[in-house]
Protein backbone atom coordinates (compact mmCIF):
# COMPACT_ATOMS: atom_id res chain seq x y z
CA MET A 1 9.07 -4.69 10.00
CA ASN A 2 10.44 -1.17 9.36
CA ARG A 3 10.29 0.72 6.03
CA THR A 4 13.71 -0.53 4.98
CA GLU A 5 12.45 -4.06 5.61
CA PHE A 6 9.37 -3.34 3.82
CA TYR A 7 10.81 -1.85 0.65
CA GLU A 8 13.06 -4.88 0.28
CA ILE A 9 10.11 -7.13 0.52
CA VAL A 10 8.39 -5.19 -1.79
CA LYS A 11 11.15 -5.19 -4.44
CA LYS A 12 12.16 -8.86 -3.91
CA GLU A 13 8.43 -9.80 -4.49
CA LYS A 14 8.06 -7.52 -7.38
CA LEU A 15 5.38 -5.53 -5.97
CA ASP A 16 7.15 -2.24 -6.87
CA LYS A 17 5.06 -1.96 -9.84
CA TYR A 18 2.13 -0.76 -7.63
CA PRO A 19 2.42 2.99 -6.52
CA VAL A 20 3.26 3.43 -2.92
CA GLY A 21 3.07 6.91 -1.32
CA ASP A 22 5.80 8.10 1.08
CA SER A 23 5.68 8.22 4.83
CA LYS A 24 5.22 11.65 5.55
CA ASN A 25 2.22 12.86 3.52
CA VAL A 26 -0.96 11.18 1.97
CA ALA A 27 -0.25 11.35 -1.66
CA ILE A 28 -2.70 13.16 -3.77
CA THR A 29 -2.00 11.23 -7.12
CA PRO A 30 -4.58 8.50 -8.19
CA TYR A 31 -4.35 4.85 -7.44
CA VAL A 32 -1.60 5.49 -4.99
CA VAL A 33 -1.63 3.16 -1.81
CA GLY A 34 0.27 3.92 1.76
CA CYS A 35 0.68 4.16 5.16
CA VAL A 36 1.03 7.47 7.15
CA CYS A 37 0.90 8.57 10.58
CA ILE A 38 -2.23 10.76 11.36
CA ASP A 39 -2.84 12.01 14.74
CA GLY A 40 -0.85 9.15 16.30
CA ASP A 41 -2.51 6.50 14.33
CA TRP A 42 -0.99 4.67 11.42
CA CYS A 43 -3.31 4.85 8.63
CA VAL A 44 -3.35 2.53 5.70
CA TYR A 45 -4.99 4.30 2.51
CA GLU A 46 -5.76 4.24 -1.07
CA ASN A 47 -6.45 6.83 -3.55
CA ASP A 48 -9.12 6.75 -5.94
CA GLU A 49 -9.29 7.69 -9.64
CA ARG A 50 -9.20 11.54 -8.53
CA GLY A 51 -6.53 11.20 -5.96
CA SER A 52 -8.83 11.34 -2.87
CA ALA A 53 -7.45 9.40 -0.29
CA ASN A 54 -9.77 6.61 1.45
CA ILE A 55 -8.58 5.32 4.88
CA ILE A 56 -8.78 1.54 4.81
CA SER A 57 -7.56 0.78 8.35
CA LYS A 58 -5.94 2.38 11.37
CA TYR A 59 -3.16 0.69 13.48
CA ALA A 60 -1.43 1.81 16.79
CA SER A 61 2.16 1.00 15.28
CA GLU A 62 4.04 1.39 11.96
CA GLU A 63 4.83 -2.12 11.88
CA GLU A 64 1.21 -3.22 11.87
CA GLY A 65 0.35 -0.77 9.23
CA LEU A 66 3.16 -1.86 6.97
CA LYS A 67 2.18 -5.49 7.39
CA GLU A 68 -1.54 -4.44 6.33
CA LEU A 69 -0.02 -2.54 3.37
CA LEU A 70 2.12 -5.34 2.17
CA ARG A 71 -0.99 -7.63 2.40
CA ILE A 72 -2.89 -5.25 0.20
CA LEU A 73 0.08 -5.09 -2.50
CA ARG A 74 0.13 -8.81 -2.72
CA MET A 75 -3.68 -9.09 -2.96
CA LYS A 76 -3.22 -6.74 -5.97
CA LYS A 77 -0.70 -8.72 -7.46
CA ARG A 78 -2.55 -11.84 -7.30
CA LYS A 79 -5.56 -10.16 -8.69
CA ASP A 80 -3.51 -8.99 -11.55
CA GLU A 81 -2.32 -12.63 -12.13
CA LEU A 82 -5.67 -13.90 -11.97
CA MET A 83 -6.97 -11.43 -14.65
CA ARG A 84 -3.91 -12.26 -17.14
CA LYS A 85 -5.04 -16.02 -16.61
CA ILE A 86 -8.62 -15.34 -17.39
CA ARG A 87 -7.98 -12.95 -20.79
CA ARG A 88 -5.86 -15.86 -22.32
């Protein structure tokens, strides 16, 4: 999957409410997830409340990194849905 396909899936599955960083640099804003190339590795990261990036995993290809990033976004959505049910 390339970036275009990734963003189409994100939009279709309504995952776009979760902030995703761009593909060129690690974002410095809080609570952002993303996938960037660092020294030849595709790193999937998540920022904490202060905007500090924590690398979750590294992959050899962008496709693998985007698949992992999509999995993380789906988990966040599922968690939010479960929390809404609990609060009712």
